């Protein structure tokens, strides 16, 4: 599939694991949706359309993942220092 224009409302996050990998985040308030799509160069690889009601759960999960990563980093720093 050819690349669509970047979202009018939203953002992109460049992946760090694979060259050319991008997460596009598109806001569509007129449809009460947020669209997450994964792109590899010019090809869309996957898409998830989230209802507004689902966003709080997604954000909670991402926040918990961030806390878990922070705790793991602190443990690793403690091991390196000790």
Protein backbone atom coordinates (compact mmCIF):
# COMPACT_ATOMS: atom_id res chain seq x y z
CA UNK A 1 0.00 0.00 0.00
CA UNK A 2 1.34 3.45 -0.92
CA UNK A 3 1.99 5.92 1.85
CA UNK A 4 -0.88 8.18 2.79
CA UNK A 5 -0.14 11.76 3.77
CA UNK A 6 0.84 12.31 7.38
CA UNK A 7 -2.10 12.78 9.74
CA UNK A 8 -3.56 16.30 9.81
CA UNK A 9 -3.96 15.94 13.58
CA UNK A 10 -1.51 13.70 15.32
CA UNK A 11 2.15 12.84 15.31
CA UNK A 12 4.73 10.31 14.26
CA UNK A 13 7.17 8.36 16.40
CA UNK A 14 10.28 7.06 14.66
CA UNK A 15 11.18 3.52 15.65
CA UNK A 16 14.60 2.82 17.06
CA UNK A 17 14.74 -0.89 16.35
CA UNK A 18 14.35 -1.01 12.55
CA UNK A 19 15.44 1.62 10.04
CA UNK A 20 12.42 3.13 8.27
CA UNK A 21 9.89 2.02 10.91
CA UNK A 22 7.41 4.68 12.02
CA UNK A 23 4.32 4.77 14.24
CA UNK A 24 1.75 7.25 12.99
CA UNK A 25 -0.80 8.55 15.46
CA UNK A 26 -3.81 10.17 13.86
CA UNK A 27 -6.59 11.93 15.77
CA UNK A 28 -10.05 11.85 14.22
CA UNK A 29 -12.39 13.57 16.72
CA UNK A 30 -15.15 13.78 14.14
CA UNK A 31 -15.31 9.95 14.31
CA UNK A 32 -14.33 9.64 18.01
CA UNK A 33 -11.27 7.63 16.96
CA UNK A 34 -7.51 7.59 17.21
CA UNK A 35 -5.72 5.60 14.54
CA UNK A 36 -2.35 4.00 15.22
CA UNK A 37 -0.56 2.70 12.16
CA UNK A 38 2.84 1.12 11.77
CA UNK A 39 4.75 1.93 8.61
CA UNK A 40 7.88 0.43 7.13
CA UNK A 41 9.27 2.96 4.69
CA UNK A 42 6.34 3.66 2.34
CA UNK A 43 4.26 0.61 3.27
CA UNK A 44 1.62 0.44 6.00
CA UNK A 45 2.20 -2.77 7.95
CA UNK A 46 -0.60 -2.61 10.54
CA UNK A 47 -3.42 -0.36 11.73
CA UNK A 48 -5.46 -0.18 14.92
CA UNK A 49 -8.48 2.10 15.19
CA UNK A 50 -9.22 2.95 18.80
CA UNK A 51 -12.51 4.38 20.06
CA UNK A 52 -12.17 7.35 22.36
CA UNK A 53 -13.48 5.21 25.22
CA UNK A 54 -10.51 2.84 24.80
CA UNK A 55 -7.81 5.50 25.03
CA UNK A 56 -7.76 5.73 28.83
CA UNK A 57 -6.95 2.00 29.07
CA UNK A 58 -4.22 2.28 26.42
CA UNK A 59 -2.68 5.27 28.20
CA UNK A 60 -2.86 3.45 31.55
CA UNK A 61 -1.06 0.46 30.03
CA UNK A 62 1.63 2.65 28.44
CA UNK A 63 2.10 4.52 31.72
CA UNK A 64 2.54 1.24 33.60
CA UNK A 65 5.06 0.06 31.00
CA UNK A 66 7.02 3.28 31.54
CA UNK A 67 7.02 2.75 35.31
CA UNK A 68 8.20 -0.85 34.82
CA UNK A 69 11.05 0.30 32.54
CA UNK A 70 12.07 2.96 35.04
CA UNK A 71 12.13 0.45 37.89
CA UNK A 72 14.21 -1.98 35.80
CA UNK A 73 16.67 0.79 34.93
CA UNK A 74 17.05 1.71 38.59
CA UNK A 75 17.72 -1.93 39.50
CA UNK A 76 20.34 -2.17 36.75
CA UNK A 77 22.02 1.03 37.95
CA UNK A 78 22.04 -0.30 41.52
CA UNK A 79 23.72 -3.53 40.39
CA UNK A 80 26.33 -1.62 38.38
CA UNK A 81 27.14 0.66 41.33
CA UNK A 82 27.26 -2.14 43.89
